[in-house]
Amino acid sequence: IGEKVQDRTKILISSGASDITLRVPKSVGLQVNLSSPFSSHDFSNLKEVDSRKYQSDNFNSAFKQISVQVDAGASSIKVFPFQESKIRYLRIA
């Protein structure tokens, strides 16, 4: 998920058993809502708001916000922030 998202973006992820990884710019506020009771998750960079809702520290103050609804079977879900200026594109010959 990149910088070019709209100011308020909603994403629905619906899947069966899967391995889901989201990379989100640090400047974008992120909220993740889980309706996946059998999924493991790594949201170490997000605060737990309630039993199935997680938010980044800047969610309420960020100019751009992404709200992700995850409805998945037995899945592994990870969220990693990245610093936009540190992303490098390599040309492979």
C-alpha atoms as a PDB file:
ATOM      1  CA  ILE A   1       0.000   0.000   0.000  1.00  0.00           C
ATOM      2  CA  GLY A   2       1.647   3.241  -1.075  1.00  0.00           C
ATOM      3  CA  GLU A   3       1.560   6.989  -0.583  1.00  0.00           C
ATOM      4  CA  LYS A   4      -0.931   7.515  -3.415  1.00  0.00           C
ATOM      5  CA  VAL A   5      -3.951   6.318  -1.454  1.00  0.00           C
ATOM      6  CA  GLN A   6      -6.895   8.657  -1.087  1.00  0.00           C
ATOM      7  CA  ASP A   7      -7.255  10.650   2.133  1.00  0.00           C
ATOM      8  CA  ARG A   8      -9.594   7.987   3.551  1.00  0.00           C
ATOM      9  CA  THR A   9      -9.223   4.498   2.105  1.00  0.00           C
ATOM     10  CA  LYS A  10     -11.102   1.333   3.064  1.00  0.00           C
ATOM     11  CA  ILE A  11      -9.743  -2.081   2.146  1.00  0.00           C
ATOM     12  CA  LEU A  12     -11.517  -5.423   2.566  1.00  0.00           C
ATOM     13  CA  ILE A  13      -9.394  -8.569   2.606  1.00  0.00           C
ATOM     14  CA  SER A  14     -11.438 -11.740   2.379  1.00  0.00           C
ATOM     15  CA  SER A  15      -9.616 -15.055   2.102  1.00  0.00           C
ATOM     16  CA  GLY A  16      -9.378 -18.624   3.233  1.00  0.00           C
ATOM     17  CA  ALA A  17      -6.215 -20.034   4.778  1.00  0.00           C
ATOM     18  CA  SER A  18      -3.475 -17.610   3.746  1.00  0.00           C
ATOM     19  CA  ASP A  19      -0.335 -15.671   4.611  1.00  0.00           C
ATOM     20  CA  ILE A  20      -1.092 -11.918   4.437  1.00  0.00           C
ATOM     21  CA  THR A  21       1.576  -9.209   4.671  1.00  0.00           C
ATOM     22  CA  LEU A  22       0.765  -5.496   4.462  1.00  0.00           C
ATOM     23  CA  ARG A  23       3.469  -2.848   4.026  1.00  0.00           C
ATOM     24  CA  VAL A  24       2.151   0.612   4.836  1.00  0.00           C
ATOM     25  CA  PRO A  25       3.953   3.987   4.772  1.00  0.00           C
ATOM     26  CA  LYS A  26       4.706   5.269   8.285  1.00  0.00           C
ATOM     27  CA  SER A  27       3.053   8.604   7.470  1.00  0.00           C
ATOM     28  CA  VAL A  28      -0.316   6.944   6.779  1.00  0.00           C
ATOM     29  CA  GLY A  29      -2.653   6.246   9.713  1.00  0.00           C
ATOM     30  CA  LEU A  30      -3.664   2.579   9.804  1.00  0.00           C
ATOM     31  CA  GLN A  31      -6.551   0.779  11.457  1.00  0.00           C
ATOM     32  CA  VAL A  32      -6.998  -3.004  11.200  1.00  0.00           C
ATOM     33  CA  ASN A  33     -10.257  -4.728  12.140  1.00  0.00           C
ATOM     34  CA  LEU A  34     -10.127  -8.522  12.438  1.00  0.00           C
ATOM     35  CA  SER A  35     -13.038 -10.876  12.086  1.00  0.00           C
ATOM     36  CA  SER A  36     -10.754 -13.880  11.879  1.00  0.00           C
ATOM     37  CA  PRO A  37     -10.811 -15.789  15.168  1.00  0.00           C
ATOM     38  CA  PHE A  38      -8.408 -18.501  13.966  1.00  0.00           C
ATOM     39  CA  SER A  39      -5.730 -16.218  12.574  1.00  0.00           C
ATOM     40  CA  SER A  40      -2.377 -15.352  14.081  1.00  0.00           C
ATOM     41  CA  HIS A  41      -1.153 -11.801  13.687  1.00  0.00           C
ATOM     42  CA  ASP A  42       1.896  -9.615  14.145  1.00  0.00           C
ATOM     43  CA  PHE A  43       0.755  -6.071  14.818  1.00  0.00           C
ATOM     44  CA  SER A  44       3.673  -5.116  17.080  1.00  0.00           C
ATOM     45  CA  ASN A  45       3.658  -1.605  15.613  1.00  0.00           C
ATOM     46  CA  LEU A  46      -0.084  -1.092  16.284  1.00  0.00           C
ATOM     47  CA  LYS A  47      -1.983  -0.473  19.524  1.00  0.00           C
ATOM     48  CA  GLU A  48      -4.878  -2.718  20.467  1.00  0.00           C
ATOM     49  CA  VAL A  49      -8.002  -0.535  20.701  1.00  0.00           C
ATOM     50  CA  ASP A  50     -10.319  -3.410  21.557  1.00  0.00           C
ATOM     51  CA  SER A  51     -10.256  -7.192  21.138  1.00  0.00           C
ATOM     52  CA  ARG A  52     -10.358  -7.092  17.322  1.00  0.00           C
ATOM     53  CA  LYS A  53      -9.319  -3.506  16.437  1.00  0.00           C
ATOM     54  CA  TYR A  54      -5.752  -2.206  16.133  1.00  0.00           C
ATOM     55  CA  GLN A  55      -4.493   1.287  15.226  1.00  0.00           C
ATOM     56  CA  SER A  56      -1.230   3.050  14.502  1.00  0.00           C
ATOM     57  CA  ASP A  57      -0.252   5.866  16.883  1.00  0.00           C
ATOM     58  CA  ASN A  58      -0.968   8.428  14.168  1.00  0.00           C
ATOM     59  CA  PHE A  59      -4.326   7.062  12.955  1.00  0.00           C
ATOM     60  CA  ASN A  60      -6.451   9.963  14.220  1.00  0.00           C
ATOM     61  CA  SER A  61      -3.959  12.693  13.293  1.00  0.00           C
ATOM     62  CA  ALA A  62      -2.685  11.427   9.910  1.00  0.00           C
ATOM     63  CA  PHE A  63      -3.696  13.298   6.758  1.00  0.00           C
ATOM     64  CA  LYS A  64      -4.191   9.937   5.014  1.00  0.00           C
ATOM     65  CA  GLN A  65      -5.909   7.031   6.748  1.00  0.00           C
ATOM     66  CA  ILE A  66      -6.354   3.418   5.734  1.00  0.00           C
ATOM     67  CA  SER A  67      -8.940   1.191   7.373  1.00  0.00           C
ATOM     68  CA  VAL A  68      -8.463  -2.525   6.668  1.00  0.00           C
ATOM     69  CA  GLN A  69     -11.138  -5.130   7.378  1.00  0.00           C
ATOM     70  CA  VAL A  70      -9.701  -8.661   7.443  1.00  0.00           C
ATOM     71  CA  ASP A  71     -12.076 -11.603   7.115  1.00  0.00           C
ATOM     72  CA  ALA A  72      -9.871 -14.660   6.707  1.00  0.00           C
ATOM     73  CA  GLY A  73      -9.780 -18.293   7.660  1.00  0.00           C
ATOM     74  CA  ALA A  74      -6.808 -19.795   9.464  1.00  0.00           C
ATOM     75  CA  SER A  75      -4.281 -17.189   8.383  1.00  0.00           C
ATOM     76  CA  SER A  76      -1.094 -15.415   9.358  1.00  0.00           C
ATOM     77  CA  ILE A  77      -1.399 -11.627   9.134  1.00  0.00           C
ATOM     78  CA  LYS A  78       1.540  -9.217   9.419  1.00  0.00           C
ATOM     79  CA  VAL A  79       1.754  -5.431   9.131  1.00  0.00           C
ATOM     80  CA  PHE A  80       5.054  -3.656   8.522  1.00  0.00           C
ATOM     81  CA  PRO A  81       5.510   0.125   8.323  1.00  0.00           C
ATOM     82  CA  PHE A  82       8.089   1.573   5.962  1.00  0.00           C
ATOM     83  CA  GLN A  83       9.711   4.968   5.592  1.00  0.00           C
ATOM     84  CA  GLU A  84       8.828   6.248   2.113  1.00  0.00           C
ATOM     85  CA  SER A  85      12.176   7.914   1.425  1.00  0.00           C
ATOM     86  CA  LYS A  86      14.048   4.666   2.138  1.00  0.00           C
ATOM     87  CA  ILE A  87      12.324   2.608  -0.550  1.00  0.00           C
ATOM     88  CA  ARG A  88      14.742   1.921  -3.383  1.00  0.00           C
ATOM     89  CA  TYR A  89      13.932   0.474  -6.767  1.00  0.00           C
ATOM     90  CA  LEU A  90      16.634  -1.628  -8.350  1.00  0.00           C
ATOM     91  CA  ARG A  91      16.956  -2.282 -12.026  1.00  0.00           C
ATOM     92  CA  ILE A  92      17.861  -5.870 -12.697  1.00  0.00           C
ATOM     93  CA  ALA A  93      19.669  -6.513 -15.960  1.00  0.00           C
END
